[in-house]
N, C-alpha and C. Protein backbone atom coordinates (compact mmCIF):
# COMPACT_ATOMS: atom_id res chain seq x y z
N MET A 1 161.38 92.19 91.35
CA MET A 1 160.92 91.21 92.28
C MET A 1 161.42 89.85 91.78
N ALA A 2 161.62 88.99 92.71
CA ALA A 2 162.01 87.62 92.36
C ALA A 2 160.98 86.55 92.78
N TRP A 3 161.24 85.34 92.29
CA TRP A 3 160.31 84.24 92.63
C TRP A 3 160.72 83.88 93.99
N LYS A 4 159.69 83.73 94.94
CA LYS A 4 159.91 83.38 96.40
C LYS A 4 160.86 84.28 97.04
N PRO A 5 160.37 85.65 97.01
CA PRO A 5 161.19 86.59 97.76
C PRO A 5 160.79 86.62 99.23
N ASN A 6 161.47 87.50 99.98
CA ASN A 6 161.03 87.77 101.34
C ASN A 6 159.80 88.74 101.23
N TYR A 7 158.76 88.57 101.95
CA TYR A 7 157.63 89.40 101.92
C TYR A 7 157.62 90.55 102.92
N VAL A 8 158.64 90.63 103.62
CA VAL A 8 158.92 91.74 104.55
C VAL A 8 160.43 92.03 104.62
N THR A 9 160.74 93.26 104.63
CA THR A 9 162.15 93.60 104.61
C THR A 9 162.69 93.51 106.02
N ASP A 10 164.06 93.34 106.18
CA ASP A 10 164.66 93.23 107.47
C ASP A 10 164.32 94.47 108.39
N PRO A 11 164.46 95.68 107.84
CA PRO A 11 164.16 96.82 108.65
C PRO A 11 162.63 96.81 109.10
N GLU A 12 161.67 96.34 108.30
CA GLU A 12 160.27 96.29 108.62
C GLU A 12 160.03 95.33 109.77
N LEU A 13 160.72 94.21 109.73
CA LEU A 13 160.60 93.23 110.66
C LEU A 13 161.26 93.59 112.00
N ARG A 14 162.37 94.24 111.85
CA ARG A 14 163.17 94.70 113.02
C ARG A 14 162.19 95.68 113.76
N ASP A 15 161.65 96.65 113.08
CA ASP A 15 160.75 97.70 113.65
C ASP A 15 159.53 97.02 114.33
N TYR A 16 159.05 96.05 113.69
CA TYR A 16 157.75 95.45 114.17
C TYR A 16 158.03 94.57 115.36
N ALA A 17 159.21 93.90 115.34
CA ALA A 17 159.39 93.00 116.41
C ALA A 17 160.13 93.55 117.60
N THR A 18 160.93 94.58 117.42
CA THR A 18 161.81 95.23 118.48
C THR A 18 161.42 96.67 118.83
N ARG A 19 160.74 97.27 117.84
CA ARG A 19 160.50 98.76 117.98
C ARG A 19 161.73 99.61 118.25
N SER A 20 162.79 99.11 117.58
CA SER A 20 164.13 99.71 117.77
C SER A 20 164.84 99.87 116.45
N THR A 21 165.79 100.81 116.33
CA THR A 21 166.59 100.92 115.25
C THR A 21 168.02 100.25 115.39
N GLU A 22 168.16 99.57 116.49
CA GLU A 22 169.44 98.88 116.75
C GLU A 22 169.65 97.81 115.77
N THR A 23 170.88 97.80 115.18
CA THR A 23 171.11 96.80 114.16
C THR A 23 172.03 95.55 114.55
N VAL A 24 172.22 95.51 115.93
CA VAL A 24 173.06 94.50 116.39
C VAL A 24 172.52 93.00 115.97
N ASP A 25 171.27 92.92 116.05
CA ASP A 25 170.74 91.60 115.82
C ASP A 25 170.16 91.39 114.35
N ASP A 26 170.62 92.21 113.39
CA ASP A 26 170.17 92.02 112.03
C ASP A 26 170.35 90.85 111.34
N ALA A 27 171.39 90.18 111.76
CA ALA A 27 171.64 88.74 111.05
C ALA A 27 170.44 87.83 111.53
N TYR A 28 170.01 87.82 112.75
CA TYR A 28 168.91 87.12 113.21
C TYR A 28 167.55 87.49 112.61
N VAL A 29 167.45 88.83 112.47
CA VAL A 29 166.22 89.38 111.80
C VAL A 29 166.11 88.89 110.34
N ALA A 30 167.20 88.91 109.68
CA ALA A 30 167.22 88.53 108.24
C ALA A 30 166.84 87.00 108.17
N LEU A 31 167.29 86.20 109.06
CA LEU A 31 166.89 84.82 109.07
C LEU A 31 165.48 84.63 109.29
N ALA A 32 164.90 85.37 110.20
CA ALA A 32 163.48 85.33 110.62
C ALA A 32 162.66 85.78 109.49
N ALA A 33 162.99 86.77 108.80
CA ALA A 33 162.36 87.27 107.64
C ALA A 33 162.17 86.27 106.42
N THR A 34 163.31 85.54 106.23
CA THR A 34 163.29 84.53 105.12
C THR A 34 162.42 83.34 105.66
N SER A 35 162.73 83.02 106.81
CA SER A 35 161.95 81.80 107.35
C SER A 35 160.41 81.97 107.41
N ALA A 36 160.03 83.27 107.74
CA ALA A 36 158.68 83.52 107.85
C ALA A 36 158.00 83.60 106.43
N SER A 37 158.73 84.10 105.51
CA SER A 37 158.24 84.13 104.11
C SER A 37 158.02 82.68 103.71
N ARG A 38 158.96 81.79 103.91
CA ARG A 38 158.83 80.49 103.48
C ARG A 38 157.83 79.68 104.24
N ALA A 39 157.50 80.09 105.46
CA ALA A 39 156.33 79.42 106.21
C ALA A 39 155.05 79.94 105.53
N VAL A 40 155.01 81.11 105.06
CA VAL A 40 153.83 81.60 104.38
C VAL A 40 153.57 80.68 103.14
N ASP A 41 154.60 80.52 102.40
CA ASP A 41 154.61 79.69 101.19
C ASP A 41 154.07 78.25 101.41
N ASN A 42 154.67 77.67 102.44
CA ASN A 42 154.31 76.31 102.79
C ASN A 42 152.93 76.17 103.20
N HIS A 43 152.40 77.17 103.85
CA HIS A 43 150.93 77.17 104.36
C HIS A 43 149.95 77.24 103.18
N THR A 44 150.34 78.19 102.29
CA THR A 44 149.39 78.49 101.19
C THR A 44 149.61 77.59 99.97
N PHE A 45 150.60 76.87 99.92
CA PHE A 45 151.05 76.00 98.82
C PHE A 45 151.14 76.96 97.46
N ARG A 46 151.77 78.03 97.71
CA ARG A 46 152.13 78.94 96.59
C ARG A 46 153.06 80.03 97.05
N GLN A 47 153.55 80.77 96.26
CA GLN A 47 154.47 81.88 96.53
C GLN A 47 153.88 83.23 95.89
N PHE A 48 154.40 84.33 96.45
CA PHE A 48 153.83 85.56 96.10
C PHE A 48 154.68 86.60 95.36
N GLY A 49 155.91 86.11 94.91
CA GLY A 49 156.87 86.88 94.11
C GLY A 49 156.37 86.85 92.49
N LYS A 50 157.22 87.21 91.69
CA LYS A 50 157.00 87.13 90.24
C LYS A 50 158.25 87.03 89.59
N VAL A 51 158.25 86.54 88.26
CA VAL A 51 159.50 86.38 87.52
C VAL A 51 159.84 87.64 86.95
N ASP A 52 161.08 87.92 86.52
CA ASP A 52 161.56 89.14 85.94
C ASP A 52 161.65 89.03 84.42
N ALA A 53 161.49 87.99 83.77
CA ALA A 53 161.61 87.71 82.42
C ALA A 53 160.87 86.56 81.93
N SER A 54 160.58 86.52 80.68
CA SER A 54 159.66 85.36 80.18
C SER A 54 160.32 84.04 80.42
N GLU A 55 159.53 83.10 80.84
CA GLU A 55 159.84 81.70 81.16
C GLU A 55 158.90 80.71 80.51
N ALA A 56 159.45 79.65 80.09
CA ALA A 56 158.54 78.44 79.63
C ALA A 56 158.58 77.45 80.77
N ARG A 57 157.23 77.04 81.10
CA ARG A 57 157.06 76.02 82.15
C ARG A 57 156.19 74.92 81.55
N ARG A 58 156.40 73.73 81.96
CA ARG A 58 155.67 72.56 81.33
C ARG A 58 154.76 71.97 82.35
N TYR A 59 153.55 71.62 81.98
CA TYR A 59 152.52 71.12 82.87
C TYR A 59 151.80 69.94 82.18
N THR A 60 151.09 69.15 83.02
CA THR A 60 150.40 67.99 82.48
C THR A 60 148.84 68.31 82.48
N ALA A 61 148.29 68.08 81.29
CA ALA A 61 146.86 68.30 81.05
C ALA A 61 146.05 67.07 81.63
N ARG A 62 144.93 67.33 82.21
CA ARG A 62 143.98 66.32 82.68
C ARG A 62 142.61 66.53 81.89
N TRP A 63 142.01 65.38 81.62
CA TRP A 63 140.68 65.51 80.97
C TRP A 63 139.50 65.60 82.03
N ASP A 64 138.83 66.65 81.93
CA ASP A 64 137.65 66.94 82.93
C ASP A 64 136.42 66.21 82.19
N ARG A 65 135.92 65.18 82.68
CA ARG A 65 134.88 64.37 82.08
C ARG A 65 133.59 65.20 82.20
N ARG A 66 133.37 65.84 83.30
CA ARG A 66 132.18 66.67 83.44
C ARG A 66 132.09 67.85 82.46
N ARG A 67 133.18 68.40 82.15
CA ARG A 67 133.25 69.66 81.32
C ARG A 67 133.74 69.29 79.88
N SER A 68 134.04 68.08 79.72
CA SER A 68 134.58 67.62 78.42
C SER A 68 135.64 68.56 77.75
N ARG A 69 136.54 68.86 78.59
CA ARG A 69 137.70 69.79 78.30
C ARG A 69 138.97 69.31 78.95
N PHE A 70 140.10 69.83 78.35
CA PHE A 70 141.43 69.59 79.03
C PHE A 70 141.59 70.73 80.03
N MET A 71 142.03 70.42 81.28
CA MET A 71 142.36 71.42 82.20
C MET A 71 143.84 71.37 82.62
N VAL A 72 144.49 72.45 82.69
CA VAL A 72 145.86 72.46 82.98
C VAL A 72 146.06 73.39 84.33
N GLU A 73 146.56 72.77 85.36
CA GLU A 73 146.79 73.46 86.60
C GLU A 73 148.16 74.07 86.31
N ILE A 74 148.34 75.39 86.61
CA ILE A 74 149.61 76.15 86.24
C ILE A 74 149.93 76.88 87.56
N ASP A 75 151.15 77.30 87.56
CA ASP A 75 151.70 78.26 88.55
C ASP A 75 150.90 79.51 88.53
N ASP A 76 150.89 80.30 89.55
CA ASP A 76 150.07 81.55 89.58
C ASP A 76 150.45 82.42 88.46
N LEU A 77 149.50 83.10 87.85
CA LEU A 77 149.64 83.91 86.54
C LEU A 77 148.85 85.18 86.72
N TYR A 78 149.46 86.39 86.71
CA TYR A 78 148.79 87.60 87.05
C TYR A 78 148.36 88.41 85.90
N ASP A 79 148.70 87.98 84.60
CA ASP A 79 148.31 88.73 83.46
C ASP A 79 148.45 87.80 82.33
N ALA A 80 147.34 87.88 81.44
CA ALA A 80 147.47 87.01 80.17
C ALA A 80 148.28 87.68 79.01
N THR A 81 148.77 88.89 79.15
CA THR A 81 149.45 89.44 78.07
C THR A 81 150.70 88.65 77.71
N GLY A 82 150.82 88.35 76.48
CA GLY A 82 152.02 87.61 75.94
C GLY A 82 151.92 86.12 76.19
N LEU A 83 150.87 85.57 76.64
CA LEU A 83 150.78 84.20 77.03
C LEU A 83 150.76 83.36 75.77
N VAL A 84 151.61 82.37 75.72
CA VAL A 84 151.59 81.36 74.64
C VAL A 84 151.60 80.08 75.24
N VAL A 85 150.60 79.18 74.67
CA VAL A 85 150.41 77.88 75.28
C VAL A 85 150.59 76.90 73.94
N THR A 86 151.50 75.91 74.14
CA THR A 86 151.70 75.06 72.99
C THR A 86 151.75 73.59 73.45
N VAL A 87 151.44 72.67 72.49
CA VAL A 87 151.53 71.20 72.76
C VAL A 87 152.31 70.72 71.48
N ALA A 88 152.58 69.44 71.39
CA ALA A 88 153.38 68.97 70.42
C ALA A 88 152.79 69.27 68.96
N ALA A 89 151.54 69.30 68.95
CA ALA A 89 150.92 69.59 67.57
C ALA A 89 151.00 71.05 67.14
N GLY A 90 151.20 71.98 68.04
CA GLY A 90 151.32 73.41 67.77
C GLY A 90 150.68 74.17 68.90
N THR A 91 150.27 75.40 68.59
CA THR A 91 149.87 76.47 69.49
C THR A 91 148.34 76.19 69.86
N VAL A 92 148.09 76.24 71.10
CA VAL A 92 146.68 76.17 71.57
C VAL A 92 146.03 77.56 71.40
N ASP A 93 145.12 77.81 70.59
CA ASP A 93 144.66 78.98 70.13
C ASP A 93 143.19 79.43 70.67
N VAL A 94 142.60 78.54 71.40
CA VAL A 94 141.36 78.81 72.05
C VAL A 94 141.34 78.20 73.51
N LEU A 95 141.48 79.20 74.50
CA LEU A 95 141.57 78.78 75.88
C LEU A 95 140.89 79.78 76.84
N GLU A 96 140.66 79.49 77.97
CA GLU A 96 140.18 80.34 78.95
C GLU A 96 141.02 80.13 80.25
N LEU A 97 141.24 81.28 80.95
CA LEU A 97 141.98 81.29 82.24
C LEU A 97 141.03 81.27 83.35
N GLU A 98 141.31 80.53 84.39
CA GLU A 98 140.31 80.47 85.47
C GLU A 98 141.22 80.73 86.88
N PRO A 99 140.56 81.12 87.90
CA PRO A 99 139.15 81.56 87.92
C PRO A 99 139.03 82.83 87.09
N VAL A 100 137.84 82.82 86.49
CA VAL A 100 137.48 83.88 85.42
C VAL A 100 137.48 85.23 86.01
N ASN A 101 137.20 85.46 87.27
CA ASN A 101 137.04 86.84 87.84
C ASN A 101 138.26 86.99 88.71
N ALA A 102 139.29 86.31 88.67
CA ALA A 102 140.44 86.40 89.63
C ALA A 102 140.99 87.72 89.72
N LEU A 103 141.31 88.32 88.57
CA LEU A 103 141.96 89.66 88.52
C LEU A 103 141.14 90.68 89.15
N LYS A 104 139.83 90.57 88.95
CA LYS A 104 138.86 91.65 89.42
C LYS A 104 138.81 91.65 90.97
N VAL A 105 139.09 90.56 91.58
CA VAL A 105 139.05 90.46 93.07
C VAL A 105 140.45 90.41 93.69
N GLY A 106 141.46 90.84 92.90
CA GLY A 106 142.83 90.87 93.63
C GLY A 106 143.47 89.47 93.69
N LYS A 107 143.13 88.49 92.93
CA LYS A 107 143.71 87.22 92.88
C LYS A 107 144.41 87.01 91.57
N VAL A 108 144.81 85.77 91.29
CA VAL A 108 145.54 85.44 90.05
C VAL A 108 144.89 84.18 89.41
N TYR A 109 145.33 84.03 88.12
CA TYR A 109 144.74 82.83 87.41
C TYR A 109 145.60 81.60 87.92
N GLU A 110 144.85 80.39 87.97
CA GLU A 110 145.49 79.20 88.48
C GLU A 110 145.51 78.00 87.55
N ARG A 111 144.57 78.17 86.39
CA ARG A 111 144.45 77.07 85.49
C ARG A 111 144.07 77.56 84.16
N ILE A 112 144.46 76.69 83.17
CA ILE A 112 144.07 76.99 81.78
C ILE A 112 142.91 75.93 81.31
N VAL A 113 141.97 76.44 80.76
CA VAL A 113 140.98 75.42 80.23
C VAL A 113 141.15 75.50 78.76
N ILE A 114 141.48 74.42 78.07
CA ILE A 114 141.65 74.28 76.61
C ILE A 114 140.29 73.83 76.05
N GLU A 115 139.81 74.85 75.18
CA GLU A 115 138.44 74.64 74.65
C GLU A 115 138.45 73.61 73.41
N PRO A 116 137.33 72.97 73.19
CA PRO A 116 137.39 72.02 72.11
C PRO A 116 137.60 72.58 70.76
N GLU A 117 137.23 73.88 70.61
CA GLU A 117 137.49 74.56 69.35
C GLU A 117 139.02 74.75 69.07
N SER A 118 139.93 74.67 69.90
CA SER A 118 141.22 74.91 69.67
C SER A 118 141.80 74.00 68.53
N ALA A 119 142.55 74.54 67.70
CA ALA A 119 143.09 73.87 66.53
C ALA A 119 144.13 72.79 67.03
N ASN A 120 144.73 73.00 68.22
CA ASN A 120 145.66 72.00 68.77
C ASN A 120 145.36 71.81 70.23
N ARG A 121 145.31 70.63 70.58
CA ARG A 121 145.04 70.19 72.09
C ARG A 121 145.98 69.08 72.53
N PRO A 122 146.06 68.97 73.86
CA PRO A 122 146.95 67.90 74.42
C PRO A 122 146.29 66.48 74.04
N THR A 123 147.02 65.44 74.25
CA THR A 123 146.54 64.17 73.93
C THR A 123 146.13 63.57 75.25
N GLY A 124 146.64 64.05 76.41
CA GLY A 124 146.29 63.55 77.69
C GLY A 124 147.01 62.26 77.98
N ARG A 125 147.87 61.85 77.18
CA ARG A 125 148.62 60.59 77.30
C ARG A 125 150.06 60.65 77.77
N GLU A 126 150.51 61.93 77.92
CA GLU A 126 151.91 62.30 78.30
C GLU A 126 151.90 63.26 79.33
N ALA A 127 152.84 63.13 80.34
CA ALA A 127 153.11 64.06 81.37
C ALA A 127 153.83 65.29 80.80
N ASN A 128 153.55 66.41 81.37
CA ASN A 128 154.26 67.73 81.05
C ASN A 128 154.12 67.98 79.48
N GLU A 129 153.15 67.72 78.83
CA GLU A 129 153.05 67.93 77.43
C GLU A 129 152.63 69.19 77.04
N VAL A 130 152.12 70.06 78.00
CA VAL A 130 151.79 71.44 77.70
C VAL A 130 152.80 72.44 78.13
N THR A 131 153.23 73.32 77.30
CA THR A 131 154.27 74.28 77.65
C THR A 131 153.64 75.65 77.57
N VAL A 132 153.79 76.35 78.77
CA VAL A 132 153.12 77.66 78.88
C VAL A 132 154.32 78.67 79.04
N THR A 133 154.39 79.72 78.20
CA THR A 133 155.47 80.70 78.24
C THR A 133 154.82 82.04 78.44
N THR A 134 155.38 82.75 79.46
CA THR A 134 154.92 84.10 79.63
C THR A 134 156.00 84.79 80.61
N ALA A 135 155.90 86.15 80.65
CA ALA A 135 156.75 86.83 81.69
C ALA A 135 155.78 87.25 82.82
N LYS A 136 154.62 86.73 82.93
CA LYS A 136 153.69 87.22 84.00
C LYS A 136 153.48 86.15 85.09
N TRP A 137 154.43 85.31 85.34
CA TRP A 137 154.27 84.27 86.33
C TRP A 137 154.32 85.09 87.82
N GLY A 138 153.36 84.58 88.65
CA GLY A 138 153.50 85.14 89.97
C GLY A 138 152.31 86.03 90.32
N TRP A 139 152.70 87.02 91.25
CA TRP A 139 151.65 88.02 91.70
C TRP A 139 152.38 89.41 91.40
N PRO A 140 151.47 90.40 91.06
CA PRO A 140 152.05 91.71 90.75
C PRO A 140 152.58 92.50 91.94
N ALA A 141 152.00 92.16 93.11
CA ALA A 141 152.45 92.80 94.39
C ALA A 141 152.05 91.74 95.54
N PHE A 142 152.67 91.96 96.71
CA PHE A 142 152.34 91.16 97.78
C PHE A 142 150.89 91.53 98.35
N PRO A 143 149.97 90.61 98.47
CA PRO A 143 148.71 91.10 99.15
C PRO A 143 149.00 91.46 100.56
N ALA A 144 148.28 92.36 101.18
CA ALA A 144 148.55 92.95 102.47
C ALA A 144 148.45 91.86 103.49
N PRO A 145 147.49 90.85 103.38
CA PRO A 145 147.51 89.90 104.47
C PRO A 145 148.79 88.99 104.41
N VAL A 146 149.40 88.83 103.27
CA VAL A 146 150.67 88.12 103.18
C VAL A 146 151.78 88.80 103.91
N LYS A 147 151.85 90.12 103.69
CA LYS A 147 152.88 90.90 104.47
C LYS A 147 152.69 90.82 105.89
N GLN A 148 151.36 91.02 106.31
CA GLN A 148 151.02 90.93 107.74
C GLN A 148 151.39 89.53 108.37
N ALA A 149 151.09 88.51 107.57
CA ALA A 149 151.40 87.18 108.14
C ALA A 149 152.94 86.99 108.29
N ALA A 150 153.72 87.55 107.30
CA ALA A 150 155.16 87.40 107.39
C ALA A 150 155.74 88.21 108.63
N LEU A 151 155.10 89.36 108.91
CA LEU A 151 155.57 90.14 110.12
C LEU A 151 155.26 89.31 111.35
N LEU A 152 153.99 88.79 111.49
CA LEU A 152 153.54 88.11 112.59
C LEU A 152 154.44 86.82 112.87
N GLN A 153 154.64 86.00 111.80
CA GLN A 153 155.46 84.83 111.96
C GLN A 153 156.93 85.11 112.20
N GLY A 154 157.34 86.19 111.53
CA GLY A 154 158.83 86.65 111.78
C GLY A 154 158.95 87.04 113.14
N ASN A 155 158.03 87.77 113.76
CA ASN A 155 158.20 88.17 115.11
C ASN A 155 158.22 86.97 116.11
N ARG A 156 157.37 85.92 115.69
CA ARG A 156 157.33 84.71 116.50
C ARG A 156 158.74 84.03 116.50
N PHE A 157 159.34 84.01 115.28
CA PHE A 157 160.61 83.43 115.26
C PHE A 157 161.72 84.19 116.01
N ILE A 158 161.58 85.46 115.99
CA ILE A 158 162.53 86.26 116.85
C ILE A 158 162.29 85.96 118.32
N TRP A 159 161.03 85.86 118.77
CA TRP A 159 160.65 85.67 120.04
C TRP A 159 161.12 84.29 120.50
N ARG A 160 161.16 83.41 119.59
CA ARG A 160 161.63 82.02 119.89
C ARG A 160 163.07 81.93 120.27
N ARG A 161 163.88 82.92 119.96
CA ARG A 161 165.26 82.98 120.30
C ARG A 161 165.46 83.00 121.73
N ASP A 162 164.54 83.72 122.44
CA ASP A 162 164.61 83.78 123.94
C ASP A 162 163.80 82.71 124.62
N ALA A 163 163.29 81.85 123.92
CA ALA A 163 162.55 80.79 124.50
C ALA A 163 163.08 79.45 124.01
N PRO A 164 164.33 78.98 124.31
CA PRO A 164 164.87 77.82 123.72
C PRO A 164 164.12 76.45 124.13
N ALA A 165 163.37 76.60 125.25
CA ALA A 165 162.66 75.42 125.70
C ALA A 165 161.25 75.40 125.06
N GLY A 166 160.88 76.42 124.19
CA GLY A 166 159.62 76.52 123.67
C GLY A 166 158.61 77.06 124.40
N VAL A 167 158.94 77.76 125.55
CA VAL A 167 158.10 78.46 126.41
C VAL A 167 158.56 79.84 126.59
N ALA A 168 157.62 80.88 126.31
CA ALA A 168 157.98 82.35 126.52
C ALA A 168 157.17 82.87 127.51
N GLY A 169 157.58 83.95 128.17
CA GLY A 169 156.81 84.65 129.17
C GLY A 169 157.17 84.04 130.56
N SER A 170 156.26 84.39 131.49
CA SER A 170 156.55 84.03 132.91
C SER A 170 155.25 83.44 133.51
N PRO A 171 155.37 82.12 134.07
CA PRO A 171 154.15 81.61 134.62
C PRO A 171 153.71 82.40 135.84
N ASP A 172 154.77 83.15 136.59
CA ASP A 172 154.40 83.94 137.73
C ASP A 172 153.56 85.07 137.39
N SER A 173 153.70 85.71 136.26
CA SER A 173 152.94 86.81 135.89
C SER A 173 151.74 86.50 135.02
N GLY A 174 151.60 85.24 134.75
CA GLY A 174 150.49 84.78 133.91
C GLY A 174 150.69 85.00 132.49
N SER A 175 151.86 85.29 131.95
CA SER A 175 152.14 85.59 130.60
C SER A 175 152.81 84.45 129.83
N GLU A 176 152.75 83.31 130.42
CA GLU A 176 153.47 82.14 129.85
C GLU A 176 152.72 81.76 128.54
N VAL A 177 153.47 81.44 127.52
CA VAL A 177 152.98 81.11 126.25
C VAL A 177 153.79 79.99 125.68
N ARG A 178 153.25 78.82 125.27
CA ARG A 178 153.91 77.71 124.76
C ARG A 178 154.01 77.82 123.27
N LEU A 179 155.28 77.96 122.59
CA LEU A 179 155.34 78.19 121.30
C LEU A 179 155.41 76.78 120.59
N LEU A 180 154.25 76.34 120.13
CA LEU A 180 154.09 75.01 119.49
C LEU A 180 154.67 74.98 118.10
N ALA A 181 154.93 73.72 117.71
CA ALA A 181 155.63 73.68 116.31
C ALA A 181 154.55 73.66 115.20
N ARG A 182 153.92 74.79 115.06
CA ARG A 182 153.00 74.98 114.04
C ARG A 182 152.83 76.53 113.68
N LEU A 183 152.28 76.75 112.58
CA LEU A 183 152.16 78.19 112.12
C LEU A 183 151.28 78.90 113.18
N ASP A 184 151.72 80.20 113.52
CA ASP A 184 151.00 80.97 114.42
C ASP A 184 149.57 81.14 113.94
N ALA A 185 148.58 81.00 114.90
CA ALA A 185 147.15 80.83 114.63
C ALA A 185 146.70 82.18 113.84
N ASP A 186 147.17 83.25 114.20
CA ASP A 186 146.83 84.51 113.49
C ASP A 186 147.27 84.61 112.09
N VAL A 187 148.43 83.99 111.93
CA VAL A 187 149.01 83.91 110.58
C VAL A 187 148.06 83.02 109.71
N ALA A 188 147.71 82.00 110.17
CA ALA A 188 146.70 81.17 109.49
C ALA A 188 145.44 81.78 109.14
N VAL A 189 144.91 82.56 110.05
CA VAL A 189 143.67 83.36 109.85
C VAL A 189 143.90 84.34 108.79
N ALA A 190 145.05 85.04 108.79
CA ALA A 190 145.34 86.08 107.74
C ALA A 190 145.43 85.53 106.36
N LEU A 191 145.82 84.32 106.26
CA LEU A 191 146.12 83.66 104.96
C LEU A 191 144.96 82.83 104.44
N THR A 192 143.88 82.88 105.09
CA THR A 192 142.78 81.92 104.75
C THR A 192 142.35 82.01 103.23
N ASP A 193 142.27 83.24 102.77
CA ASP A 193 141.81 83.39 101.47
C ASP A 193 142.85 83.16 100.32
N TYR A 194 144.09 82.87 100.82
CA TYR A 194 145.17 82.69 99.88
C TYR A 194 145.82 81.27 99.82
N VAL A 195 145.12 80.36 100.58
CA VAL A 195 145.63 78.92 100.44
C VAL A 195 145.09 78.31 99.11
N ARG A 196 146.00 77.74 98.42
CA ARG A 196 145.68 77.09 97.09
C ARG A 196 145.66 75.66 97.24
N TRP A 197 144.54 75.06 96.79
CA TRP A 197 144.34 73.59 96.71
C TRP A 197 144.55 73.10 95.24
N TRP A 198 145.69 72.60 94.93
CA TRP A 198 146.14 72.27 93.57
C TRP A 198 145.18 71.09 93.17
N GLY A 199 144.61 71.28 92.00
CA GLY A 199 143.78 70.23 91.41
C GLY A 199 142.35 70.14 91.87
N ALA A 200 142.05 71.22 92.71
CA ALA A 200 140.65 71.21 93.25
C ALA A 200 139.79 72.02 92.44
N GLY A 201 140.17 72.60 91.33
CA GLY A 201 139.39 73.55 90.45
C GLY A 201 138.29 72.88 89.76
């Protein structure tokens, strides 16, 4: 899997949108699949792929006055195995990943809490002073609502091809639908539990 992949395959979207095996419009279906996947990312403020090899990423620590600890908002992380967190002084050796029950409910970790007992901690005076290295960035698999959302939005993009003025259907038959410039309402509903609010932890 890759970072920011398509959440639905071209054949899946073609079957969902057209109920046909005809491949004449596959180029348009491919564009719709990618555009729908990125629309999901933009709505949720995250992506649902994963990296294929270990990567080092840098983040800024912030001091949480209420908890008296440094907090580090990170990209989604689906497994703590092999996780290494370092600052200029050395390795951070006492930390906790949050939300603490994320993996038990099919979610992922979003932040690192650096405990006061750690031998090395950020200073809080520099941007991007925390380096996090792991091969577990992202999500282990696409959540079902994410795939459903990509199918719905992809279908909408394909439908839009036949509605260049932004209106689909027929007013005479009462099936007229205005395709507004926003995410499909059912897509937003499907993704409710997956929207990430950065810095809200």
